[in-house]
Amino acid sequence: MAFLRSLVARGLSGVALVTSDAHAGLVDAIACTLPGAAWQRRRTHFARDLSTKVPKSAQPWVLTLLRTVFEQSEQAEVRAQFDRVVDALAAKFPKAADHLDQAREDLLAFTAFPREIWRQIWSNNPQERLNKELRRRTDVVGIFPDRDAVIRLLGAVLMEQNDEWTKTRRYMGVEVLAKARAVLQATTETQAPTNPAITA
């Protein structure tokens, strides 16, 4: 909560979507500090969670079924496939089907955005890779003499990553983000005023 409030205090505004795991405190903090932002549950974390609801022998089948939801190209197709997956699971593993059905809106929040950015917003893998790189670089050093030394090293790694994302491998282009913003504004204007989809 304190971290998100500090971002807002420093000027963060207009957040349309937050992608994270389903840590209850984090989800609540997002809802409190970023009103109006939708919440997308990370599909990779949910897939791991769902696989614990079925026997080990059935896990590959269940995970393959779940992946088919994200292979669809239109919002209506994604939702229809999600229903088919829930039905298929219900026949063999009703508890897993119920668990999946309860996570429906959390997993499908990405469908409100343009198709071009679905892969970037249904999970946060680039951030996970960055976290792994930060851990790798700090493990090499082992023991730091003081806090400033840690900040210098991590700051240098983060500046390298920022340069890479800015110059060579842009995560999302400005044009696509503008299109996403326009789609969201059009959707908001056609709907009755409600509090958007942050769910826990």
N, C-alpha and C. Protein backbone atom coordinates (compact mmCIF):
# COMPACT_ATOMS: atom_id res chain seq x y z
N MET A 1 0.84 -1.20 0.00
CA MET A 1 0.00 0.00 0.00
C MET A 1 0.88 1.26 0.00
N ALA A 2 1.89 1.26 0.86
CA ALA A 2 2.77 2.43 0.95
C ALA A 2 3.50 2.67 -0.37
N PHE A 3 3.96 1.59 -1.01
CA PHE A 3 4.66 1.73 -2.28
C PHE A 3 3.74 2.31 -3.35
N LEU A 4 2.53 1.78 -3.47
CA LEU A 4 1.60 2.28 -4.48
C LEU A 4 1.21 3.72 -4.19
N ARG A 5 1.02 4.05 -2.92
CA ARG A 5 0.71 5.45 -2.57
C ARG A 5 1.86 6.38 -2.93
N SER A 6 3.09 5.89 -2.76
CA SER A 6 4.24 6.74 -3.11
C SER A 6 4.28 6.98 -4.61
N LEU A 7 3.90 5.99 -5.41
CA LEU A 7 3.86 6.18 -6.87
C LEU A 7 2.81 7.23 -7.25
N VAL A 8 1.65 7.13 -6.62
CA VAL A 8 0.57 8.10 -6.89
C VAL A 8 1.02 9.50 -6.46
N ALA A 9 1.68 9.59 -5.31
CA ALA A 9 2.15 10.89 -4.82
C ALA A 9 3.17 11.51 -5.77
N ARG A 10 3.92 10.66 -6.48
CA ARG A 10 4.93 11.15 -7.42
C ARG A 10 4.36 11.38 -8.81
N GLY A 11 3.04 11.23 -8.96
CA GLY A 11 2.40 11.60 -10.23
C GLY A 11 1.79 10.48 -11.04
N LEU A 12 1.84 9.24 -10.56
CA LEU A 12 1.23 8.14 -11.31
C LEU A 12 -0.28 8.36 -11.37
N SER A 13 -0.84 8.32 -12.58
CA SER A 13 -2.28 8.47 -12.74
C SER A 13 -2.72 7.77 -14.02
N GLY A 14 -4.02 7.60 -14.17
CA GLY A 14 -4.56 7.01 -15.39
C GLY A 14 -4.26 5.55 -15.59
N VAL A 15 -3.99 4.83 -14.51
CA VAL A 15 -3.67 3.40 -14.63
C VAL A 15 -4.94 2.65 -15.03
N ALA A 16 -4.86 1.91 -16.13
CA ALA A 16 -6.02 1.18 -16.64
C ALA A 16 -6.03 -0.28 -16.21
N LEU A 17 -4.84 -0.85 -15.98
CA LEU A 17 -4.76 -2.28 -15.66
C LEU A 17 -3.51 -2.55 -14.83
N VAL A 18 -3.66 -3.41 -13.86
CA VAL A 18 -2.52 -3.89 -13.08
C VAL A 18 -2.50 -5.40 -13.19
N THR A 19 -1.34 -5.95 -13.55
CA THR A 19 -1.17 -7.40 -13.65
C THR A 19 -0.30 -7.85 -12.49
N SER A 20 -0.79 -8.83 -11.72
CA SER A 20 -0.03 -9.30 -10.56
C SER A 20 -0.51 -10.69 -10.20
N ASP A 21 0.16 -11.27 -9.19
CA ASP A 21 -0.37 -12.52 -8.66
C ASP A 21 -1.52 -12.18 -7.72
N ALA A 22 -2.13 -13.20 -7.13
CA ALA A 22 -3.38 -13.00 -6.39
C ALA A 22 -3.16 -12.82 -4.89
N HIS A 23 -2.03 -12.28 -4.50
CA HIS A 23 -1.81 -12.00 -3.09
C HIS A 23 -2.89 -11.03 -2.62
N ALA A 24 -3.67 -11.44 -1.61
CA ALA A 24 -4.85 -10.66 -1.21
C ALA A 24 -4.49 -9.23 -0.80
N GLY A 25 -3.40 -9.06 -0.07
CA GLY A 25 -3.00 -7.71 0.36
C GLY A 25 -2.65 -6.83 -0.82
N LEU A 26 -2.01 -7.41 -1.83
CA LEU A 26 -1.63 -6.65 -3.02
C LEU A 26 -2.87 -6.24 -3.80
N VAL A 27 -3.80 -7.17 -3.98
CA VAL A 27 -5.03 -6.88 -4.71
C VAL A 27 -5.82 -5.77 -4.00
N ASP A 28 -5.90 -5.85 -2.68
CA ASP A 28 -6.61 -4.81 -1.91
C ASP A 28 -5.91 -3.46 -2.04
N ALA A 29 -4.57 -3.47 -2.00
CA ALA A 29 -3.81 -2.22 -2.12
C ALA A 29 -4.03 -1.59 -3.50
N ILE A 30 -4.09 -2.41 -4.54
CA ILE A 30 -4.35 -1.91 -5.90
C ILE A 30 -5.72 -1.25 -5.95
N ALA A 31 -6.71 -1.93 -5.37
CA ALA A 31 -8.08 -1.39 -5.38
C ALA A 31 -8.18 -0.07 -4.63
N CYS A 32 -7.44 0.05 -3.53
CA CYS A 32 -7.51 1.27 -2.70
C CYS A 32 -6.76 2.44 -3.31
N THR A 33 -5.64 2.18 -3.94
CA THR A 33 -4.77 3.28 -4.39
C THR A 33 -4.93 3.62 -5.87
N LEU A 34 -5.45 2.69 -6.66
CA LEU A 34 -5.60 2.93 -8.10
C LEU A 34 -7.06 2.71 -8.53
N PRO A 35 -7.96 3.55 -8.03
CA PRO A 35 -9.38 3.34 -8.34
C PRO A 35 -9.63 3.41 -9.84
N GLY A 36 -10.47 2.50 -10.31
CA GLY A 36 -10.78 2.46 -11.73
C GLY A 36 -9.89 1.55 -12.55
N ALA A 37 -8.77 1.11 -11.98
CA ALA A 37 -7.88 0.20 -12.71
C ALA A 37 -8.43 -1.22 -12.63
N ALA A 38 -8.41 -1.91 -13.75
CA ALA A 38 -8.79 -3.32 -13.76
C ALA A 38 -7.61 -4.13 -13.24
N TRP A 39 -7.88 -5.35 -12.78
CA TRP A 39 -6.82 -6.21 -12.26
C TRP A 39 -6.78 -7.49 -13.07
N GLN A 40 -5.60 -7.83 -13.57
CA GLN A 40 -5.38 -9.06 -14.34
C GLN A 40 -4.55 -10.01 -13.49
N ARG A 41 -5.09 -11.18 -13.24
CA ARG A 41 -4.32 -12.19 -12.51
C ARG A 41 -3.32 -12.84 -13.44
N ARG A 42 -2.09 -13.01 -12.99
CA ARG A 42 -1.07 -13.62 -13.83
C ARG A 42 -1.48 -15.04 -14.20
N ARG A 43 -1.51 -15.33 -15.47
CA ARG A 43 -1.99 -16.64 -15.91
C ARG A 43 -1.04 -17.76 -15.50
N THR A 44 0.28 -17.49 -15.48
CA THR A 44 1.24 -18.53 -15.11
C THR A 44 1.06 -18.96 -13.67
N HIS A 45 0.90 -17.98 -12.78
CA HIS A 45 0.69 -18.31 -11.36
C HIS A 45 -0.62 -19.06 -11.17
N PHE A 46 -1.67 -18.61 -11.89
CA PHE A 46 -2.95 -19.29 -11.74
C PHE A 46 -2.87 -20.72 -12.27
N ALA A 47 -2.17 -20.92 -13.38
CA ALA A 47 -2.04 -22.28 -13.93
C ALA A 47 -1.40 -23.21 -12.92
N ARG A 48 -0.36 -22.73 -12.24
CA ARG A 48 0.27 -23.56 -11.19
C ARG A 48 -0.72 -23.88 -10.08
N ASP A 49 -1.48 -22.87 -9.70
CA ASP A 49 -2.48 -23.05 -8.64
C ASP A 49 -3.56 -24.04 -9.07
N LEU A 50 -4.04 -23.91 -10.30
CA LEU A 50 -5.08 -24.81 -10.80
C LEU A 50 -4.58 -26.25 -10.86
N SER A 51 -3.32 -26.43 -11.23
CA SER A 51 -2.79 -27.79 -11.36
C SER A 51 -2.76 -28.53 -10.02
N THR A 52 -2.75 -27.79 -8.91
CA THR A 52 -2.76 -28.45 -7.59
C THR A 52 -4.14 -29.00 -7.24
N LYS A 53 -5.15 -28.64 -8.02
CA LYS A 53 -6.52 -29.08 -7.74
C LYS A 53 -6.86 -30.40 -8.42
N VAL A 54 -5.90 -30.95 -9.19
CA VAL A 54 -6.16 -32.20 -9.90
C VAL A 54 -5.01 -33.16 -9.64
N PRO A 55 -5.22 -34.47 -9.87
CA PRO A 55 -4.12 -35.43 -9.70
C PRO A 55 -2.96 -35.11 -10.64
N LYS A 56 -1.77 -35.51 -10.25
CA LYS A 56 -0.57 -35.21 -11.03
C LYS A 56 -0.69 -35.73 -12.47
N SER A 57 -1.29 -36.88 -12.63
CA SER A 57 -1.40 -37.48 -13.96
C SER A 57 -2.28 -36.63 -14.89
N ALA A 58 -3.19 -35.85 -14.32
CA ALA A 58 -4.10 -35.04 -15.13
C ALA A 58 -3.59 -33.62 -15.36
N GLN A 59 -2.52 -33.24 -14.71
CA GLN A 59 -2.04 -31.86 -14.79
C GLN A 59 -1.69 -31.41 -16.22
N PRO A 60 -0.97 -32.23 -17.00
CA PRO A 60 -0.67 -31.78 -18.38
C PRO A 60 -1.94 -31.51 -19.20
N TRP A 61 -2.94 -32.37 -19.05
CA TRP A 61 -4.20 -32.19 -19.78
C TRP A 61 -4.89 -30.89 -19.35
N VAL A 62 -4.96 -30.65 -18.05
CA VAL A 62 -5.62 -29.46 -17.53
C VAL A 62 -4.89 -28.19 -17.99
N LEU A 63 -3.57 -28.19 -17.93
CA LEU A 63 -2.80 -27.01 -18.33
C LEU A 63 -2.91 -26.76 -19.84
N THR A 64 -2.97 -27.83 -20.62
CA THR A 64 -3.16 -27.68 -22.06
C THR A 64 -4.54 -27.08 -22.35
N LEU A 65 -5.55 -27.57 -21.63
CA LEU A 65 -6.90 -27.01 -21.78
C LEU A 65 -6.91 -25.52 -21.48
N LEU A 66 -6.28 -25.15 -20.37
CA LEU A 66 -6.26 -23.74 -19.98
C LEU A 66 -5.56 -22.89 -21.03
N ARG A 67 -4.47 -23.38 -21.60
CA ARG A 67 -3.75 -22.62 -22.63
C ARG A 67 -4.63 -22.31 -23.85
N THR A 68 -5.58 -23.21 -24.15
CA THR A 68 -6.43 -22.98 -25.33
C THR A 68 -7.26 -21.70 -25.18
N VAL A 69 -7.55 -21.32 -23.96
CA VAL A 69 -8.31 -20.08 -23.74
C VAL A 69 -7.53 -18.89 -24.29
N PHE A 70 -6.22 -18.88 -24.06
CA PHE A 70 -5.39 -17.74 -24.43
C PHE A 70 -4.94 -17.79 -25.89
N GLU A 71 -5.30 -18.85 -26.60
CA GLU A 71 -4.94 -18.96 -28.02
C GLU A 71 -6.00 -18.38 -28.94
N GLN A 72 -7.12 -17.93 -28.39
CA GLN A 72 -8.20 -17.38 -29.20
C GLN A 72 -7.86 -15.95 -29.62
N SER A 73 -8.48 -15.50 -30.70
CA SER A 73 -8.09 -14.20 -31.26
C SER A 73 -9.10 -13.08 -31.02
N GLU A 74 -10.26 -13.40 -30.50
CA GLU A 74 -11.28 -12.37 -30.23
C GLU A 74 -11.83 -12.55 -28.82
N GLN A 75 -12.32 -11.45 -28.25
CA GLN A 75 -12.83 -11.50 -26.89
C GLN A 75 -13.94 -12.53 -26.73
N ALA A 76 -14.90 -12.55 -27.67
CA ALA A 76 -16.02 -13.49 -27.58
C ALA A 76 -15.52 -14.93 -27.66
N GLU A 77 -14.51 -15.18 -28.50
CA GLU A 77 -13.95 -16.53 -28.62
C GLU A 77 -13.23 -16.95 -27.34
N VAL A 78 -12.53 -16.00 -26.72
CA VAL A 78 -11.83 -16.30 -25.46
C VAL A 78 -12.85 -16.73 -24.41
N ARG A 79 -13.93 -15.97 -24.29
CA ARG A 79 -14.93 -16.27 -23.27
C ARG A 79 -15.67 -17.58 -23.57
N ALA A 80 -15.95 -17.83 -24.84
CA ALA A 80 -16.62 -19.08 -25.21
C ALA A 80 -15.71 -20.28 -24.91
N GLN A 81 -14.43 -20.15 -25.23
CA GLN A 81 -13.49 -21.24 -24.94
C GLN A 81 -13.33 -21.45 -23.44
N PHE A 82 -13.34 -20.35 -22.69
CA PHE A 82 -13.26 -20.46 -21.23
C PHE A 82 -14.43 -21.30 -20.72
N ASP A 83 -15.64 -21.03 -21.23
CA ASP A 83 -16.82 -21.81 -20.82
C ASP A 83 -16.64 -23.29 -21.17
N ARG A 84 -16.11 -23.58 -22.36
CA ARG A 84 -15.91 -24.97 -22.77
C ARG A 84 -14.90 -25.67 -21.86
N VAL A 85 -13.85 -24.94 -21.47
CA VAL A 85 -12.84 -25.52 -20.59
C VAL A 85 -13.44 -25.82 -19.21
N VAL A 86 -14.23 -24.89 -18.69
CA VAL A 86 -14.89 -25.12 -17.40
C VAL A 86 -15.78 -26.34 -17.49
N ASP A 87 -16.56 -26.46 -18.57
CA ASP A 87 -17.44 -27.62 -18.74
C ASP A 87 -16.65 -28.92 -18.83
N ALA A 88 -15.56 -28.92 -19.57
CA ALA A 88 -14.73 -30.12 -19.71
C ALA A 88 -14.14 -30.54 -18.37
N LEU A 89 -13.70 -29.55 -17.60
CA LEU A 89 -13.16 -29.86 -16.27
C LEU A 89 -14.23 -30.36 -15.31
N ALA A 90 -15.42 -29.78 -15.41
CA ALA A 90 -16.50 -30.13 -14.49
C ALA A 90 -16.86 -31.61 -14.58
N ALA A 91 -16.72 -32.19 -15.76
CA ALA A 91 -17.06 -33.60 -15.95
C ALA A 91 -16.13 -34.52 -15.18
N LYS A 92 -14.87 -34.12 -15.01
CA LYS A 92 -13.89 -35.00 -14.35
C LYS A 92 -13.42 -34.46 -13.00
N PHE A 93 -13.26 -33.14 -12.93
CA PHE A 93 -12.70 -32.53 -11.71
C PHE A 93 -13.53 -31.31 -11.31
N PRO A 94 -14.68 -31.55 -10.67
CA PRO A 94 -15.59 -30.43 -10.37
C PRO A 94 -14.96 -29.34 -9.50
N LYS A 95 -14.09 -29.70 -8.57
CA LYS A 95 -13.47 -28.68 -7.71
C LYS A 95 -12.55 -27.78 -8.53
N ALA A 96 -11.80 -28.36 -9.44
CA ALA A 96 -10.94 -27.57 -10.31
C ALA A 96 -11.77 -26.67 -11.22
N ALA A 97 -12.88 -27.20 -11.73
CA ALA A 97 -13.76 -26.41 -12.59
C ALA A 97 -14.33 -25.22 -11.83
N ASP A 98 -14.73 -25.45 -10.59
CA ASP A 98 -15.27 -24.36 -9.77
C ASP A 98 -14.20 -23.31 -9.49
N HIS A 99 -12.99 -23.78 -9.19
CA HIS A 99 -11.87 -22.87 -8.93
C HIS A 99 -11.59 -22.00 -10.16
N LEU A 100 -11.60 -22.61 -11.32
CA LEU A 100 -11.37 -21.87 -12.57
C LEU A 100 -12.50 -20.88 -12.82
N ASP A 101 -13.74 -21.32 -12.63
CA ASP A 101 -14.89 -20.46 -12.89
C ASP A 101 -14.88 -19.23 -11.99
N GLN A 102 -14.47 -19.40 -10.74
CA GLN A 102 -14.42 -18.27 -9.81
C GLN A 102 -13.37 -17.24 -10.22
N ALA A 103 -12.35 -17.68 -10.95
CA ALA A 103 -11.27 -16.77 -11.37
C ALA A 103 -11.52 -16.16 -12.75
N ARG A 104 -12.70 -16.39 -13.30
CA ARG A 104 -13.01 -15.98 -14.68
C ARG A 104 -12.63 -14.52 -14.97
N GLU A 105 -13.21 -13.57 -14.25
CA GLU A 105 -12.97 -12.16 -14.57
C GLU A 105 -11.53 -11.74 -14.27
N ASP A 106 -10.94 -12.38 -13.27
CA ASP A 106 -9.55 -12.06 -12.93
C ASP A 106 -8.60 -12.50 -14.05
N LEU A 107 -8.90 -13.61 -14.69
CA LEU A 107 -8.04 -14.13 -15.75
C LEU A 107 -8.31 -13.50 -17.11
N LEU A 108 -9.54 -13.00 -17.30
CA LEU A 108 -9.93 -12.51 -18.62
C LEU A 108 -10.00 -10.99 -18.72
N ALA A 109 -9.47 -10.28 -17.73
CA ALA A 109 -9.49 -8.81 -17.78
C ALA A 109 -8.76 -8.29 -19.01
N PHE A 110 -7.76 -9.02 -19.48
CA PHE A 110 -6.97 -8.58 -20.64
C PHE A 110 -7.81 -8.40 -21.89
N THR A 111 -8.95 -9.09 -21.98
CA THR A 111 -9.75 -9.06 -23.21
C THR A 111 -10.42 -7.71 -23.46
N ALA A 112 -10.44 -6.83 -22.45
CA ALA A 112 -11.01 -5.49 -22.65
C ALA A 112 -10.06 -4.57 -23.41
N PHE A 113 -8.85 -5.05 -23.67
CA PHE A 113 -7.81 -4.23 -24.31
C PHE A 113 -7.58 -4.72 -25.73
N PRO A 114 -6.92 -3.91 -26.57
CA PRO A 114 -6.66 -4.33 -27.96
C PRO A 114 -5.87 -5.63 -28.03
N ARG A 115 -6.18 -6.44 -29.02
CA ARG A 115 -5.55 -7.74 -29.21
C ARG A 115 -4.03 -7.66 -29.28
N GLU A 116 -3.52 -6.55 -29.83
CA GLU A 116 -2.07 -6.42 -30.04
C GLU A 116 -1.27 -6.48 -28.74
N ILE A 117 -1.88 -6.15 -27.63
CA ILE A 117 -1.12 -6.13 -26.37
C ILE A 117 -1.52 -7.24 -25.41
N TRP A 118 -2.34 -8.17 -25.84
CA TRP A 118 -2.76 -9.23 -24.92
C TRP A 118 -1.57 -9.97 -24.32
N ARG A 119 -0.61 -10.34 -25.15
CA ARG A 119 0.54 -11.10 -24.64
C ARG A 119 1.32 -10.33 -23.59
N GLN A 120 1.38 -9.02 -23.73
CA GLN A 120 2.13 -8.22 -22.78
C GLN A 120 1.39 -8.01 -21.46
N ILE A 121 0.06 -8.08 -21.47
CA ILE A 121 -0.67 -7.73 -20.26
C ILE A 121 -1.28 -8.89 -19.51
N TRP A 122 -1.34 -10.09 -20.10
CA TRP A 122 -1.94 -11.19 -19.35
C TRP A 122 -0.95 -11.82 -18.38
N SER A 123 0.27 -11.38 -18.42
CA SER A 123 1.27 -11.82 -17.46
C SER A 123 2.31 -10.71 -17.35
N ASN A 124 3.26 -10.85 -16.44
CA ASN A 124 4.32 -9.83 -16.34
C ASN A 124 5.69 -10.50 -16.38
N ASN A 125 5.89 -11.32 -17.39
CA ASN A 125 7.14 -12.07 -17.53
C ASN A 125 8.39 -11.19 -17.66
N PRO A 126 8.34 -10.05 -18.37
CA PRO A 126 9.56 -9.22 -18.43
C PRO A 126 10.01 -8.76 -17.04
N GLN A 127 9.04 -8.43 -16.20
CA GLN A 127 9.40 -8.03 -14.83
C GLN A 127 9.99 -9.21 -14.06
N GLU A 128 9.43 -10.39 -14.27
CA GLU A 128 9.97 -11.58 -13.60
C GLU A 128 11.42 -11.83 -14.05
N ARG A 129 11.67 -11.68 -15.35
CA ARG A 129 13.04 -11.86 -15.85
C ARG A 129 13.98 -10.82 -15.24
N LEU A 130 13.49 -9.58 -15.12
CA LEU A 130 14.31 -8.54 -14.51
C LEU A 130 14.61 -8.87 -13.05
N ASN A 131 13.61 -9.36 -12.33
CA ASN A 131 13.83 -9.74 -10.92
C ASN A 131 14.88 -10.84 -10.81
N LYS A 132 14.83 -11.81 -11.73
CA LYS A 132 15.83 -12.88 -11.72
C LYS A 132 17.23 -12.33 -11.97
N GLU A 133 17.33 -11.37 -12.91
CA GLU A 133 18.63 -10.77 -13.20
C GLU A 133 19.15 -9.98 -12.00
N LEU A 134 18.27 -9.27 -11.31
CA LEU A 134 18.68 -8.55 -10.11
C LEU A 134 19.19 -9.51 -9.05
N ARG A 135 18.49 -10.63 -8.86
CA ARG A 135 18.94 -11.64 -7.88
C ARG A 135 20.29 -12.22 -8.29
N ARG A 136 20.43 -12.52 -9.59
CA ARG A 136 21.69 -13.09 -10.07
C ARG A 136 22.85 -12.14 -9.81
N ARG A 137 22.67 -10.86 -10.13
CA ARG A 137 23.75 -9.88 -9.97
C ARG A 137 24.10 -9.67 -8.50
N THR A 138 23.10 -9.68 -7.61
CA THR A 138 23.40 -9.49 -6.18
C THR A 138 24.01 -10.74 -5.58
N ASP A 139 23.63 -11.92 -6.08
CA ASP A 139 24.22 -13.17 -5.57
C ASP A 139 25.71 -13.25 -5.87
N VAL A 140 26.12 -12.69 -7.02
CA VAL A 140 27.53 -12.70 -7.39
C VAL A 140 28.36 -11.94 -6.36
N VAL A 141 27.83 -10.81 -5.90
CA VAL A 141 28.54 -9.99 -4.92
C VAL A 141 28.52 -10.67 -3.55
N GLY A 142 27.37 -11.21 -3.20
CA GLY A 142 27.25 -11.91 -1.91
C GLY A 142 26.95 -10.96 -0.77
N ILE A 143 27.96 -10.32 -0.22
CA ILE A 143 27.79 -9.42 0.92
C ILE A 143 28.15 -8.01 0.50
N PHE A 144 27.26 -7.07 0.75
CA PHE A 144 27.50 -5.67 0.41
C PHE A 144 27.99 -4.92 1.65
N PRO A 145 28.90 -3.97 1.47
CA PRO A 145 29.42 -3.23 2.63
C PRO A 145 28.37 -2.34 3.29
N ASP A 146 27.43 -1.81 2.49
CA ASP A 146 26.38 -0.96 3.06
C ASP A 146 25.22 -0.84 2.07
N ARG A 147 24.17 -0.15 2.51
CA ARG A 147 22.95 0.00 1.71
C ARG A 147 23.23 0.74 0.40
N ASP A 148 24.09 1.76 0.45
CA ASP A 148 24.40 2.54 -0.75
C ASP A 148 25.02 1.67 -1.84
N ALA A 149 25.80 0.68 -1.46
CA ALA A 149 26.43 -0.21 -2.44
C ALA A 149 25.37 -1.02 -3.17
N VAL A 150 24.37 -1.48 -2.43
CA VAL A 150 23.27 -2.24 -3.05
C VAL A 150 22.52 -1.34 -4.04
N ILE A 151 22.23 -0.12 -3.59
CA ILE A 151 21.48 0.81 -4.44
C ILE A 151 22.26 1.14 -5.71
N ARG A 152 23.57 1.32 -5.59
CA ARG A 152 24.38 1.61 -6.79
C ARG A 152 24.33 0.46 -7.79
N LEU A 153 24.49 -0.77 -7.31
CA LEU A 153 24.48 -1.92 -8.21
C LEU A 153 23.10 -2.09 -8.86
N LEU A 154 22.05 -2.09 -8.05
CA LEU A 154 20.71 -2.29 -8.59
C LEU A 154 20.31 -1.14 -9.50
N GLY A 155 20.72 0.07 -9.13
CA GLY A 155 20.44 1.22 -10.00
C GLY A 155 21.09 1.09 -11.36
N ALA A 156 22.34 0.60 -11.38
CA ALA A 156 23.03 0.41 -12.67
C ALA A 156 22.33 -0.65 -13.52
N VAL A 157 21.90 -1.75 -12.89
CA VAL A 157 21.20 -2.81 -13.63
C VAL A 157 19.88 -2.27 -14.19
N LEU A 158 19.15 -1.52 -13.38
CA LEU A 158 17.87 -0.98 -13.81
C LEU A 158 18.04 0.05 -14.93
N MET A 159 19.11 0.85 -14.87
CA MET A 159 19.36 1.81 -15.96
C MET A 159 19.69 1.08 -17.26
N GLU A 160 20.45 -0.02 -17.17
CA GLU A 160 20.74 -0.83 -18.37
C GLU A 160 19.44 -1.35 -18.97
N GLN A 161 18.57 -1.87 -18.10
CA GLN A 161 17.30 -2.43 -18.57
C GLN A 161 16.43 -1.35 -19.20
N ASN A 162 16.39 -0.18 -18.56
CA ASN A 162 15.61 0.93 -19.10
C ASN A 162 16.10 1.31 -20.49
N ASP A 163 17.42 1.38 -20.66
CA ASP A 163 17.98 1.71 -21.98
C ASP A 163 17.59 0.66 -23.02
N GLU A 164 17.64 -0.60 -22.62
CA GLU A 164 17.29 -1.67 -23.57
C GLU A 164 15.82 -1.56 -23.97
N TRP A 165 14.94 -1.36 -22.99
CA TRP A 165 13.51 -1.26 -23.29
C TRP A 165 13.20 -0.01 -24.10
N THR A 166 13.92 1.06 -23.86
CA THR A 166 13.65 2.32 -24.56
C THR A 166 14.16 2.29 -25.99
N LYS A 167 15.36 1.76 -26.18
CA LYS A 167 16.02 1.91 -27.48
C LYS A 167 15.94 0.69 -28.38
N THR A 168 16.08 -0.50 -27.81
CA THR A 168 16.20 -1.66 -28.69
C THR A 168 14.98 -2.57 -28.69
N ARG A 169 14.31 -2.72 -27.56
CA ARG A 169 13.23 -3.70 -27.49
C ARG A 169 12.07 -3.10 -26.71
N ARG A 170 11.35 -2.21 -27.35
CA ARG A 170 10.24 -1.54 -26.67
C ARG A 170 9.17 -2.57 -26.33
N TYR A 171 8.73 -2.55 -25.10
CA TYR A 171 7.75 -3.53 -24.62
C TYR A 171 6.38 -3.31 -25.24
N MET A 172 5.94 -2.05 -25.25
CA MET A 172 4.69 -1.69 -25.90
C MET A 172 4.89 -0.33 -26.57
N GLY A 173 4.53 -0.24 -27.82
CA GLY A 173 4.69 1.01 -28.54
C GLY A 173 3.68 2.06 -28.12
N VAL A 174 4.03 3.31 -28.32
CA VAL A 174 3.16 4.42 -27.95
C VAL A 174 1.84 4.35 -28.72
N GLU A 175 1.91 3.93 -29.99
CA GLU A 175 0.70 3.85 -30.81
C GLU A 175 -0.29 2.84 -30.24
N VAL A 176 0.22 1.69 -29.82
CA VAL A 176 -0.65 0.65 -29.27
C VAL A 176 -1.25 1.11 -27.94
N LEU A 177 -0.46 1.78 -27.13
CA LEU A 177 -0.98 2.29 -25.86
C LEU A 177 -2.06 3.34 -26.09
N ALA A 178 -1.88 4.19 -27.10
CA ALA A 178 -2.90 5.19 -27.42
C ALA A 178 -4.19 4.51 -27.88
N LYS A 179 -4.04 3.45 -28.66
CA LYS A 179 -5.22 2.70 -29.12
C LYS A 179 -5.93 2.05 -27.92
N ALA A 180 -5.16 1.50 -26.99
CA ALA A 180 -5.75 0.89 -25.80
C ALA A 180 -6.53 1.92 -25.00
N ARG A 181 -5.94 3.10 -24.84
CA ARG A 181 -6.62 4.17 -24.10
C ARG A 181 -7.92 4.56 -24.78
N ALA A 182 -7.91 4.67 -26.13
CA ALA A 182 -9.12 5.04 -26.87
C ALA A 182 -10.21 3.98 -26.73
N VAL A 183 -9.81 2.71 -26.80
CA VAL A 183 -10.77 1.61 -26.65
C VAL A 183 -11.41 1.66 -25.27
N LEU A 184 -10.59 1.87 -24.24
CA LEU A 184 -11.12 1.92 -22.88
C LEU A 184 -12.05 3.11 -22.69
N GLN A 185 -11.70 4.26 -23.24
CA GLN A 185 -12.57 5.43 -23.11
C GLN A 185 -13.90 5.20 -23.81
N ALA A 186 -13.86 4.60 -24.99
CA ALA A 186 -15.10 4.32 -25.72
C ALA A 186 -15.97 3.34 -24.95
N THR A 187 -15.34 2.32 -24.35
CA THR A 187 -16.08 1.33 -23.57
C THR A 187 -16.71 1.97 -22.35
N THR A 188 -15.95 2.82 -21.67
CA THR A 188 -16.44 3.48 -20.46
C THR A 188 -17.61 4.40 -20.78
N GLU A 189 -17.54 5.09 -21.90
CA GLU A 189 -18.60 6.03 -22.26
C GLU A 189 -19.90 5.31 -22.63
N THR A 190 -19.81 4.08 -23.14
CA THR A 190 -21.02 3.35 -23.54
C THR A 190 -21.63 2.54 -22.40
N GLN A 191 -20.91 2.40 -21.30
CA GLN A 191 -21.43 1.63 -20.17
C GLN A 191 -22.03 2.56 -19.14
N ALA A 192 -22.94 2.01 -18.35
CA ALA A 192 -23.48 2.78 -17.22
C ALA A 192 -22.36 2.96 -16.21
N PRO A 193 -22.36 4.07 -15.45
CA PRO A 193 -21.27 4.28 -14.50
C PRO A 193 -21.27 3.23 -13.41
N THR A 194 -20.20 2.46 -13.37
CA THR A 194 -20.01 1.46 -12.33
C THR A 194 -18.58 1.52 -11.89
N ASN A 195 -18.28 0.86 -10.79
CA ASN A 195 -16.90 0.80 -10.33
C ASN A 195 -16.23 -0.35 -11.07
N PRO A 196 -15.18 -0.10 -11.92
CA PRO A 196 -14.61 -1.16 -12.75
C PRO A 196 -14.01 -2.31 -11.95
N ALA A 197 -13.45 -3.23 -12.75
CA ALA A 197 -13.25 -4.60 -12.31
C ALA A 197 -12.04 -4.88 -11.47
N ILE A 198 -11.92 -4.32 -10.32
CA ILE A 198 -10.89 -4.87 -9.45
C ILE A 198 -11.61 -5.85 -8.55
N THR A 199 -11.20 -7.09 -8.61
CA THR A 199 -11.82 -8.11 -7.78
C THR A 199 -10.74 -8.85 -7.02
N ALA A 200 -11.10 -9.38 -5.89
CA ALA A 200 -10.11 -10.11 -5.09
C ALA A 200 -10.44 -11.57 -5.12
